[in-house]
Amino acid sequence: MIKRMVKAESNVSIEKLCNLLELPVSSYYYQPAVPPEQEKMNEMAEKMFDESFDTYGKRRLSNALRKEGFAMGVFKTSRLMKTLGLVAKRPKKPHPYP
């Protein structure tokens, strides 16, 4: 929100905007730290998903990650897939014609 206001009003300083919103200036520069284990997990999940030709869903991906040593459940794997933008391909319906 502050970044949008800075773009709209370039002549107003960040400190003034933060004071108006009653926020500390440090909150403007805050970037949440991602633990290194989480980064490894993300990389491994993407790698496994790509190796499966985008066919692994949340259950198969969580089993594969467990075999690699990452303790993850199905729901955490589902959340991870959503954040990484991984969507599994689904098999097509069989047709009665050849």
PDB file of N, CA and C in Angstrom:
ATOM      1  N   MET A   1       0.818  -1.179   0.000  1.00  0.00           N
ATOM      2  CA  MET A   1       0.000   0.000   0.000  1.00  0.00           C
ATOM      3  C   MET A   1       0.869   1.253   0.000  1.00  0.00           C
ATOM      4  N   ILE A   2       1.925   1.234   0.766  1.00  0.00           N
ATOM      5  CA  ILE A   2       2.810   2.398   0.841  1.00  0.00           C
ATOM      6  C   ILE A   2       3.515   2.585  -0.500  1.00  0.00           C
ATOM      7  N   LYS A   3       3.891   1.468  -1.147  1.00  0.00           N
ATOM      8  CA  LYS A   3       4.588   1.562  -2.430  1.00  0.00           C
ATOM      9  C   LYS A   3       3.707   2.203  -3.491  1.00  0.00           C
ATOM     10  N   ARG A   4       2.409   1.889  -3.464  1.00  0.00           N
ATOM     11  CA  ARG A   4       1.480   2.509  -4.411  1.00  0.00           C
ATOM     12  C   ARG A   4       1.392   4.013  -4.176  1.00  0.00           C
ATOM     13  N   MET A   5       1.370   4.397  -2.903  1.00  0.00           N
ATOM     14  CA  MET A   5       1.269   5.810  -2.577  1.00  0.00           C
ATOM     15  C   MET A   5       2.539   6.557  -2.980  1.00  0.00           C
ATOM     16  N   VAL A   6       3.693   5.903  -2.844  1.00  0.00           N
ATOM     17  CA  VAL A   6       4.951   6.532  -3.234  1.00  0.00           C
ATOM     18  C   VAL A   6       4.975   6.746  -4.740  1.00  0.00           C
ATOM     19  N   LYS A   7       4.443   5.765  -5.499  1.00  0.00           N
ATOM     20  CA  LYS A   7       4.386   5.919  -6.953  1.00  0.00           C
ATOM     21  C   LYS A   7       3.442   7.044  -7.344  1.00  0.00           C
ATOM     22  N   ALA A   8       2.317   7.152  -6.663  1.00  0.00           N
ATOM     23  CA  ALA A   8       1.330   8.176  -6.992  1.00  0.00           C
ATOM     24  C   ALA A   8       1.831   9.569  -6.625  1.00  0.00           C
ATOM     25  N   GLU A   9       2.397   9.695  -5.461  1.00  0.00           N
ATOM     26  CA  GLU A   9       2.905  10.983  -4.981  1.00  0.00           C
ATOM     27  C   GLU A   9       4.414  10.870  -4.788  1.00  0.00           C
ATOM     28  N   SER A  10       5.160  11.108  -5.833  1.00  0.00           N
ATOM     29  CA  SER A  10       6.610  10.944  -5.755  1.00  0.00           C
ATOM     30  C   SER A  10       7.291  12.044  -4.941  1.00  0.00           C
ATOM     31  N   ASN A  11       6.632  13.175  -4.748  1.00  0.00           N
ATOM     32  CA  ASN A  11       7.259  14.254  -3.990  1.00  0.00           C
ATOM     33  C   ASN A  11       7.119  14.087  -2.477  1.00  0.00           C
ATOM     34  N   VAL A  12       6.330  13.126  -2.015  1.00  0.00           N
ATOM     35  CA  VAL A  12       6.148  12.878  -0.584  1.00  0.00           C
ATOM     36  C   VAL A  12       7.131  11.792  -0.159  1.00  0.00           C
ATOM     37  N   SER A  13       7.802  12.014   0.955  1.00  0.00           N
ATOM     38  CA  SER A  13       8.799  11.047   1.407  1.00  0.00           C
ATOM     39  C   SER A  13       8.135   9.823   2.045  1.00  0.00           C
ATOM     40  N   ILE A  14       8.896   8.770   2.118  1.00  0.00           N
ATOM     41  CA  ILE A  14       8.421   7.518   2.711  1.00  0.00           C
ATOM     42  C   ILE A  14       8.149   7.719   4.199  1.00  0.00           C
ATOM     43  N   GLU A  15       8.990   8.509   4.857  1.00  0.00           N
ATOM     44  CA  GLU A  15       8.812   8.754   6.289  1.00  0.00           C
ATOM     45  C   GLU A  15       7.474   9.445   6.580  1.00  0.00           C
ATOM     46  N   LYS A  16       7.107  10.414   5.748  1.00  0.00           N
ATOM     47  CA  LYS A  16       5.841  11.120   5.955  1.00  0.00           C
ATOM     48  C   LYS A  16       4.651  10.183   5.748  1.00  0.00           C
ATOM     49  N   LEU A  17       4.740   9.349   4.715  1.00  0.00           N
ATOM     50  CA  LEU A  17       3.652   8.405   4.461  1.00  0.00           C
ATOM     51  C   LEU A  17       3.498   7.414   5.611  1.00  0.00           C
ATOM     52  N   CYS A  18       4.613   6.921   6.113  1.00  0.00           N
ATOM     53  CA  CYS A  18       4.556   5.976   7.236  1.00  0.00           C
ATOM     54  C   CYS A  18       4.002   6.643   8.490  1.00  0.00           C
ATOM     55  N   ASN A  19       4.364   7.897   8.706  1.00  0.00           N
ATOM     56  CA  ASN A  19       3.827   8.624   9.864  1.00  0.00           C
ATOM     57  C   ASN A  19       2.322   8.834   9.727  1.00  0.00           C
ATOM     58  N   LEU A  20       1.857   9.120   8.507  1.00  0.00           N
ATOM     59  CA  LEU A  20       0.420   9.280   8.290  1.00  0.00           C
ATOM     60  C   LEU A  20      -0.343   8.001   8.590  1.00  0.00           C
ATOM     61  N   LEU A  21       0.228   6.879   8.207  1.00  0.00           N
ATOM     62  CA  LEU A  21      -0.417   5.586   8.425  1.00  0.00           C
ATOM     63  C   LEU A  21      -0.102   4.990   9.794  1.00  0.00           C
ATOM     64  N   GLU A  22       0.699   5.713  10.581  1.00  0.00           N
ATOM     65  CA  GLU A  22       1.117   5.276  11.913  1.00  0.00           C
ATOM     66  C   GLU A  22       1.826   3.919  11.864  1.00  0.00           C
ATOM     67  N   LEU A  23       2.758   3.808  10.933  1.00  0.00           N
ATOM     68  CA  LEU A  23       3.574   2.605  10.784  1.00  0.00           C
ATOM     69  C   LEU A  23       5.040   2.969  10.953  1.00  0.00           C
ATOM     70  N   PRO A  24       5.838   2.056  11.468  1.00  0.00           N
ATOM     71  CA  PRO A  24       7.273   2.323  11.503  1.00  0.00           C
ATOM     72  C   PRO A  24       7.856   2.279  10.085  1.00  0.00           C
ATOM     73  N   VAL A  25       8.871   3.065   9.855  1.00  0.00           N
ATOM     74  CA  VAL A  25       9.493   3.136   8.530  1.00  0.00           C
ATOM     75  C   VAL A  25      10.103   1.788   8.153  1.00  0.00           C
ATOM     76  N   SER A  26      10.530   1.036   9.141  1.00  0.00           N
ATOM     77  CA  SER A  26      11.150  -0.259   8.861  1.00  0.00           C
ATOM     78  C   SER A  26      10.175  -1.231   8.208  1.00  0.00           C
ATOM     79  N   SER A  27       8.880  -1.042   8.424  1.00  0.00           N
ATOM     80  CA  SER A  27       7.906  -1.942   7.806  1.00  0.00           C
ATOM     81  C   SER A  27       7.870  -1.764   6.291  1.00  0.00           C
ATOM     82  N   TYR A  28       8.262  -0.595   5.795  1.00  0.00           N
ATOM     83  CA  TYR A  28       8.328  -0.371   4.347  1.00  0.00           C
ATOM     84  C   TYR A  28       9.425  -1.225   3.726  1.00  0.00           C
ATOM     85  N   TYR A  29      10.543  -1.372   4.427  1.00  0.00           N
ATOM     86  CA  TYR A  29      11.691  -2.102   3.895  1.00  0.00           C
ATOM     87  C   TYR A  29      11.708  -3.574   4.297  1.00  0.00           C
ATOM     88  N   TYR A  30      10.728  -4.014   5.069  1.00  0.00           N
ATOM     89  CA  TYR A  30      10.725  -5.386   5.576  1.00  0.00           C
ATOM     90  C   TYR A  30      10.540  -6.396   4.458  1.00  0.00           C
ATOM     91  N   GLN A  31      11.381  -7.422   4.471  1.00  0.00           N
ATOM     92  CA  GLN A  31      11.241  -8.560   3.564  1.00  0.00           C
ATOM     93  C   GLN A  31      11.337  -9.821   4.414  1.00  0.00           C
ATOM     94  N   PRO A  32      10.299 -10.657   4.409  1.00  0.00           N
ATOM     95  CA  PRO A  32      10.343 -11.851   5.246  1.00  0.00           C
ATOM     96  C   PRO A  32      11.452 -12.797   4.798  1.00  0.00           C
ATOM     97  N   ALA A  33      12.141 -13.346   5.771  1.00  0.00           N
ATOM     98  CA  ALA A  33      13.240 -14.262   5.481  1.00  0.00           C
ATOM     99  C   ALA A  33      12.701 -15.666   5.245  1.00  0.00           C
ATOM    100  N   VAL A  34      13.179 -16.314   4.187  1.00  0.00           N
ATOM    101  CA  VAL A  34      12.784 -17.687   3.870  1.00  0.00           C
ATOM    102  C   VAL A  34      13.890 -18.601   4.386  1.00  0.00           C
ATOM    103  N   PRO A  35      13.556 -19.585   5.230  1.00  0.00           N
ATOM    104  CA  PRO A  35      14.590 -20.475   5.739  1.00  0.00           C
ATOM    105  C   PRO A  35      15.229 -21.275   4.604  1.00  0.00           C
ATOM    106  N   PRO A  36      16.521 -21.581   4.706  1.00  0.00           N
ATOM    107  CA  PRO A  36      17.208 -22.317   3.637  1.00  0.00           C
ATOM    108  C   PRO A  36      16.609 -23.703   3.395  1.00  0.00           C
ATOM    109  N   GLU A  37      16.065 -24.331   4.440  1.00  0.00           N
ATOM    110  CA  GLU A  37      15.437 -25.645   4.261  1.00  0.00           C
ATOM    111  C   GLU A  37      14.197 -25.525   3.374  1.00  0.00           C
ATOM    112  N   GLN A  38      13.462 -24.425   3.527  1.00  0.00           N
ATOM    113  CA  GLN A  38      12.276 -24.198   2.702  1.00  0.00           C
ATOM    114  C   GLN A  38      12.672 -24.018   1.235  1.00  0.00           C
ATOM    115  N   GLU A  39      13.778 -23.321   0.993  1.00  0.00           N
ATOM    116  CA  GLU A  39      14.244 -23.134  -0.384  1.00  0.00           C
ATOM    117  C   GLU A  39      14.627 -24.468  -1.009  1.00  0.00           C
ATOM    118  N   LYS A  40      15.306 -25.325  -0.229  1.00  0.00           N
ATOM    119  CA  LYS A  40      15.668 -26.656  -0.739  1.00  0.00           C
ATOM    120  C   LYS A  40      14.417 -27.456  -1.066  1.00  0.00           C
ATOM    121  N   MET A  41      13.416 -27.359  -0.197  1.00  0.00           N
ATOM    122  CA  MET A  41      12.168 -28.083  -0.400  1.00  0.00           C
ATOM    123  C   MET A  41      11.463 -27.593  -1.664  1.00  0.00           C
ATOM    124  N   ASN A  42      11.452 -26.280  -1.867  1.00  0.00           N
ATOM    125  CA  ASN A  42      10.831 -25.719  -3.061  1.00  0.00           C
ATOM    126  C   ASN A  42      11.535 -26.197  -4.330  1.00  0.00           C
ATOM    127  N   GLU A  43      12.864 -26.159  -4.303  1.00  0.00           N
ATOM    128  CA  GLU A  43      13.632 -26.593  -5.470  1.00  0.00           C
ATOM    129  C   GLU A  43      13.402 -28.076  -5.758  1.00  0.00           C
ATOM    130  N   MET A  44      13.390 -28.891  -4.702  1.00  0.00           N
ATOM    131  CA  MET A  44      13.201 -30.328  -4.878  1.00  0.00           C
ATOM    132  C   MET A  44      11.788 -30.629  -5.391  1.00  0.00           C
ATOM    133  N   ALA A  45      10.809 -29.923  -4.883  1.00  0.00           N
ATOM    134  CA  ALA A  45       9.435 -30.140  -5.330  1.00  0.00           C
ATOM    135  C   ALA A  45       9.290 -29.770  -6.806  1.00  0.00           C
ATOM    136  N   GLU A  46       9.867 -28.647  -7.212  1.00  0.00           N
ATOM    137  CA  GLU A  46       9.797 -28.246  -8.619  1.00  0.00           C
ATOM    138  C   GLU A  46      10.528 -29.240  -9.510  1.00  0.00           C
ATOM    139  N   LYS A  47      11.676 -29.714  -9.047  1.00  0.00           N
ATOM    140  CA  LYS A  47      12.462 -30.671  -9.827  1.00  0.00           C
ATOM    141  C   LYS A  47      11.682 -31.980 -10.019  1.00  0.00           C
ATOM    142  N   MET A  48      11.113 -32.493  -8.937  1.00  0.00           N
ATOM    143  CA  MET A  48      10.347 -33.740  -9.024  1.00  0.00           C
ATOM    144  C   MET A  48       9.110 -33.569  -9.905  1.00  0.00           C
ATOM    145  N   PHE A  49       8.469 -32.420  -9.788  1.00  0.00           N
ATOM    146  CA  PHE A  49       7.272 -32.156 -10.584  1.00  0.00           C
ATOM    147  C   PHE A  49       7.620 -32.098 -12.070  1.00  0.00           C
ATOM    148  N   ASP A  50       8.743 -31.457 -12.397  1.00  0.00           N
ATOM    149  CA  ASP A  50       9.162 -31.380 -13.794  1.00  0.00           C
ATOM    150  C   ASP A  50       9.578 -32.746 -14.332  1.00  0.00           C
ATOM    151  N   GLU A  51      10.256 -33.539 -13.494  1.00  0.00           N
ATOM    152  CA  GLU A  51      10.685 -34.876 -13.915  1.00  0.00           C
ATOM    153  C   GLU A  51       9.501 -35.799 -14.168  1.00  0.00           C
ATOM    154  N   SER A  52       8.382 -35.527 -13.501  1.00  0.00           N
ATOM    155  CA  SER A  52       7.195 -36.362 -13.697  1.00  0.00           C
ATOM    156  C   SER A  52       6.353 -35.874 -14.880  1.00  0.00           C
ATOM    157  N   PHE A  53       6.875 -34.890 -15.630  1.00  0.00           N
ATOM    158  CA  PHE A  53       6.160 -34.298 -16.764  1.00  0.00           C
ATOM    159  C   PHE A  53       4.824 -33.703 -16.321  1.00  0.00           C
ATOM    160  N   ASP A  54       4.853 -33.040 -15.166  1.00  0.00           N
ATOM    161  CA  ASP A  54       3.703 -32.319 -14.597  1.00  0.00           C
ATOM    162  C   ASP A  54       2.518 -33.235 -14.275  1.00  0.00           C
ATOM    163  N   THR A  55       2.782 -34.489 -13.934  1.00  0.00           N
ATOM    164  CA  THR A  55       1.689 -35.416 -13.639  1.00  0.00           C
ATOM    165  C   THR A  55       1.522 -35.691 -12.152  1.00  0.00           C
ATOM    166  N   TYR A  56       2.501 -35.344 -11.327  1.00  0.00           N
ATOM    167  CA  TYR A  56       2.389 -35.608  -9.896  1.00  0.00           C
ATOM    168  C   TYR A  56       1.422 -34.626  -9.251  1.00  0.00           C
ATOM    169  N   GLY A  57       0.469 -35.153  -8.518  1.00  0.00           N
ATOM    170  CA  GLY A  57      -0.440 -34.333  -7.733  1.00  0.00           C
ATOM    171  C   GLY A  57       0.098 -34.194  -6.320  1.00  0.00           C
ATOM    172  N   LYS A  58      -0.755 -33.712  -5.426  1.00  0.00           N
ATOM    173  CA  LYS A  58      -0.297 -33.452  -4.062  1.00  0.00           C
ATOM    174  C   LYS A  58       0.074 -34.733  -3.322  1.00  0.00           C
ATOM    175  N   ARG A  59      -0.649 -35.819  -3.547  1.00  0.00           N
ATOM    176  CA  ARG A  59      -0.368 -37.065  -2.822  1.00  0.00           C
ATOM    177  C   ARG A  59       0.940 -37.702  -3.292  1.00  0.00           C
ATOM    178  N   ARG A  60       1.094 -37.820  -4.598  1.00  0.00           N
ATOM    179  CA  ARG A  60       2.305 -38.454  -5.127  1.00  0.00           C
ATOM    180  C   ARG A  60       3.539 -37.604  -4.855  1.00  0.00           C
ATOM    181  N   LEU A  61       3.390 -36.276  -4.948  1.00  0.00           N
ATOM    182  CA  LEU A  61       4.515 -35.394  -4.674  1.00  0.00           C
ATOM    183  C   LEU A  61       4.907 -35.446  -3.199  1.00  0.00           C
ATOM    184  N   SER A  62       3.925 -35.527  -2.301  1.00  0.00           N
ATOM    185  CA  SER A  62       4.265 -35.608  -0.873  1.00  0.00           C
ATOM    186  C   SER A  62       4.959 -36.926  -0.556  1.00  0.00           C
ATOM    187  N   ASN A  63       4.540 -38.025  -1.189  1.00  0.00           N
ATOM    188  CA  ASN A  63       5.232 -39.307  -0.993  1.00  0.00           C
ATOM    189  C   ASN A  63       6.659 -39.249  -1.516  1.00  0.00           C
ATOM    190  N   ALA A  64       6.855 -38.638  -2.670  1.00  0.00           N
ATOM    191  CA  ALA A  64       8.196 -38.526  -3.240  1.00  0.00           C
ATOM    192  C   ALA A  64       9.092 -37.655  -2.371  1.00  0.00           C
ATOM    193  N   LEU A  65       8.552 -36.572  -1.825  1.00  0.00           N
ATOM    194  CA  LEU A  65       9.345 -35.706  -0.949  1.00  0.00           C
ATOM    195  C   LEU A  65       9.676 -36.406   0.366  1.00  0.00           C
ATOM    196  N   ARG A  66       8.752 -37.217   0.873  1.00  0.00           N
ATOM    197  CA  ARG A  66       9.038 -37.981   2.096  1.00  0.00           C
ATOM    198  C   ARG A  66      10.177 -38.963   1.872  1.00  0.00           C
ATOM    199  N   LYS A  67      10.201 -39.590   0.704  1.00  0.00           N
ATOM    200  CA  LYS A  67      11.288 -40.528   0.393  1.00  0.00           C
ATOM    201  C   LYS A  67      12.639 -39.817   0.315  1.00  0.00           C
ATOM    202  N   GLU A  68      12.617 -38.546  -0.044  1.00  0.00           N
ATOM    203  CA  GLU A  68      13.854 -37.761  -0.127  1.00  0.00           C
ATOM    204  C   GLU A  68      14.270 -37.180   1.218  1.00  0.00           C
ATOM    205  N   GLY A  69      13.429 -37.341   2.244  1.00  0.00           N
ATOM    206  CA  GLY A  69      13.808 -36.893   3.578  1.00  0.00           C
ATOM    207  C   GLY A  69      13.113 -35.634   4.063  1.00  0.00           C
ATOM    208  N   PHE A  70      12.162 -35.111   3.315  1.00  0.00           N
ATOM    209  CA  PHE A  70      11.411 -33.936   3.746  1.00  0.00           C
ATOM    210  C   PHE A  70      10.113 -34.412   4.380  1.00  0.00           C
ATOM    211  N   ALA A  71       9.908 -34.092   5.654  1.00  0.00           N
ATOM    212  CA  ALA A  71       8.699 -34.512   6.368  1.00  0.00           C
ATOM    213  C   ALA A  71       7.578 -33.544   6.032  1.00  0.00           C
ATOM    214  N   MET A  72       6.736 -33.952   5.084  1.00  0.00           N
ATOM    215  CA  MET A  72       5.627 -33.105   4.653  1.00  0.00           C
ATOM    216  C   MET A  72       4.364 -33.928   4.527  1.00  0.00           C
ATOM    217  N   GLY A  73       3.255 -33.336   4.908  1.00  0.00           N
ATOM    218  CA  GLY A  73       1.971 -33.972   4.717  1.00  0.00           C
ATOM    219  C   GLY A  73       1.341 -33.532   3.403  1.00  0.00           C
ATOM    220  N   VAL A  74       0.168 -34.049   3.148  1.00  0.00           N
ATOM    221  CA  VAL A  74      -0.522 -33.759   1.895  1.00  0.00           C
ATOM    222  C   VAL A  74      -0.958 -32.294   1.837  1.00  0.00           C
ATOM    223  N   PHE A  75      -1.446 -31.755   2.956  1.00  0.00           N
ATOM    224  CA  PHE A  75      -1.949 -30.390   2.950  1.00  0.00           C
ATOM    225  C   PHE A  75      -0.817 -29.374   2.779  1.00  0.00           C
ATOM    226  N   LYS A  76       0.318 -29.639   3.402  1.00  0.00           N
ATOM    227  CA  LYS A  76       1.461 -28.742   3.241  1.00  0.00           C
ATOM    228  C   LYS A  76       1.981 -28.811   1.808  1.00  0.00           C
ATOM    229  N   THR A  77       1.961 -30.004   1.219  1.00  0.00           N
ATOM    230  CA  THR A  77       2.370 -30.152  -0.172  1.00  0.00           C
ATOM    231  C   THR A  77       1.415 -29.408  -1.091  1.00  0.00           C
ATOM    232  N   SER A  78       0.129 -29.478  -0.784  1.00  0.00           N
ATOM    233  CA  SER A  78      -0.863 -28.762  -1.576  1.00  0.00           C
ATOM    234  C   SER A  78      -0.622 -27.254  -1.511  1.00  0.00           C
ATOM    235  N   ARG A  79      -0.343 -26.747  -0.327  1.00  0.00           N
ATOM    236  CA  ARG A  79      -0.061 -25.323  -0.160  1.00  0.00           C
ATOM    237  C   ARG A  79       1.206 -24.934  -0.911  1.00  0.00           C
ATOM    238  N   LEU A  80       2.221 -25.801  -0.862  1.00  0.00           N
ATOM    239  CA  LEU A  80       3.474 -25.556  -1.570  1.00  0.00           C
ATOM    240  C   LEU A  80       3.241 -25.513  -3.083  1.00  0.00           C
ATOM    241  N   MET A  81       2.433 -26.426  -3.581  1.00  0.00           N
ATOM    242  CA  MET A  81       2.140 -26.453  -5.013  1.00  0.00           C
ATOM    243  C   MET A  81       1.403 -25.182  -5.439  1.00  0.00           C
ATOM    244  N   LYS A  82       0.514 -24.684  -4.598  1.00  0.00           N
ATOM    245  CA  LYS A  82      -0.215 -23.455  -4.929  1.00  0.00           C
ATOM    246  C   LYS A  82       0.729 -22.262  -4.975  1.00  0.00           C
ATOM    247  N   THR A  83       1.645 -22.171  -4.003  1.00  0.00           N
ATOM    248  CA  THR A  83       2.554 -21.032  -3.975  1.00  0.00           C
ATOM    249  C   THR A  83       3.538 -21.070  -5.132  1.00  0.00           C
ATOM    250  N   LEU A  84       3.932 -22.279  -5.565  1.00  0.00           N
ATOM    251  CA  LEU A  84       4.870 -22.402  -6.686  1.00  0.00           C
ATOM    252  C   LEU A  84       4.160 -22.390  -8.037  1.00  0.00           C
ATOM    253  N   GLY A  85       2.842 -22.464  -8.025  1.00  0.00           N
ATOM    254  CA  GLY A  85       2.087 -22.453  -9.273  1.00  0.00           C
ATOM    255  C   GLY A  85       2.150 -23.771 -10.024  1.00  0.00           C
ATOM    256  N   LEU A  86       2.258 -24.884  -9.291  1.00  0.00           N
ATOM    257  CA  LEU A  86       2.333 -26.206  -9.916  1.00  0.00           C
ATOM    258  C   LEU A  86       0.930 -26.801 -10.002  1.00  0.00           C
ATOM    259  N   VAL A  87       0.509 -27.139 -11.205  1.00  0.00           N
ATOM    260  CA  VAL A  87      -0.804 -27.739 -11.419  1.00  0.00           C
ATOM    261  C   VAL A  87      -0.596 -29.029 -12.188  1.00  0.00           C
ATOM    262  N   ALA A  88      -1.104 -30.131 -11.624  1.00  0.00           N
ATOM    263  CA  ALA A  88      -0.917 -31.440 -12.244  1.00  0.00           C
ATOM    264  C   ALA A  88      -1.847 -31.611 -13.441  1.00  0.00           C
ATOM    265  N   LYS A  89      -1.345 -32.304 -14.446  1.00  0.00           N
ATOM    266  CA  LYS A  89      -2.177 -32.640 -15.602  1.00  0.00           C
ATOM    267  C   LYS A  89      -3.066 -33.803 -15.226  1.00  0.00           C
ATOM    268  N   ARG A  90      -4.263 -33.808 -15.760  1.00  0.00           N
ATOM    269  CA  ARG A  90      -5.194 -34.893 -15.482  1.00  0.00           C
ATOM    270  C   ARG A  90      -5.346 -35.746 -16.732  1.00  0.00           C
ATOM    271  N   PRO A  91      -5.577 -37.045 -16.545  1.00  0.00           N
ATOM    272  CA  PRO A  91      -5.768 -37.895 -17.722  1.00  0.00           C
ATOM    273  C   PRO A  91      -7.081 -37.548 -18.428  1.00  0.00           C
ATOM    274  N   LYS A  92      -7.062 -37.691 -19.735  1.00  0.00           N
ATOM    275  CA  LYS A  92      -8.263 -37.400 -20.511  1.00  0.00           C
ATOM    276  C   LYS A  92      -9.264 -38.527 -20.374  1.00  0.00           C
ATOM    277  N   LYS A  93     -10.520 -38.218 -20.622  1.00  0.00           N
ATOM    278  CA  LYS A  93     -11.573 -39.249 -20.560  1.00  0.00           C
ATOM    279  C   LYS A  93     -11.406 -40.193 -21.738  1.00  0.00           C
ATOM    280  N   PRO A  94     -11.599 -41.493 -21.517  1.00  0.00           N
ATOM    281  CA  PRO A  94     -11.539 -42.428 -22.654  1.00  0.00           C
ATOM    282  C   PRO A  94     -12.764 -42.260 -23.557  1.00  0.00           C
ATOM    283  N   HIS A  95     -12.537 -42.355 -24.848  1.00  0.00           N
ATOM    284  CA  HIS A  95     -13.626 -42.222 -25.815  1.00  0.00           C
ATOM    285  C   HIS A  95     -13.994 -43.586 -26.361  1.00  0.00           C
ATOM    286  N   PRO A  96     -15.247 -43.793 -26.699  1.00  0.00           N
ATOM    287  CA  PRO A  96     -15.672 -45.128 -27.193  1.00  0.00           C
ATOM    288  C   PRO A  96     -15.182 -45.423 -28.603  1.00  0.00           C
ATOM    289  N   TYR A  97     -14.758 -44.411 -29.339  1.00  0.00           N
ATOM    290  CA  TYR A  97     -14.274 -44.662 -30.698  1.00  0.00           C
ATOM    291  C   TYR A  97     -12.761 -44.858 -30.689  1.00  0.00           C
ATOM    292  N   PRO A  98     -12.209 -45.541 -31.716  1.00  0.00           N
ATOM    293  CA  PRO A  98     -10.756 -45.824 -31.725  1.00  0.00           C
ATOM    294  C   PRO A  98      -9.889 -44.651 -32.001  1.00  0.00           C
TER     295      PRO A  98
END
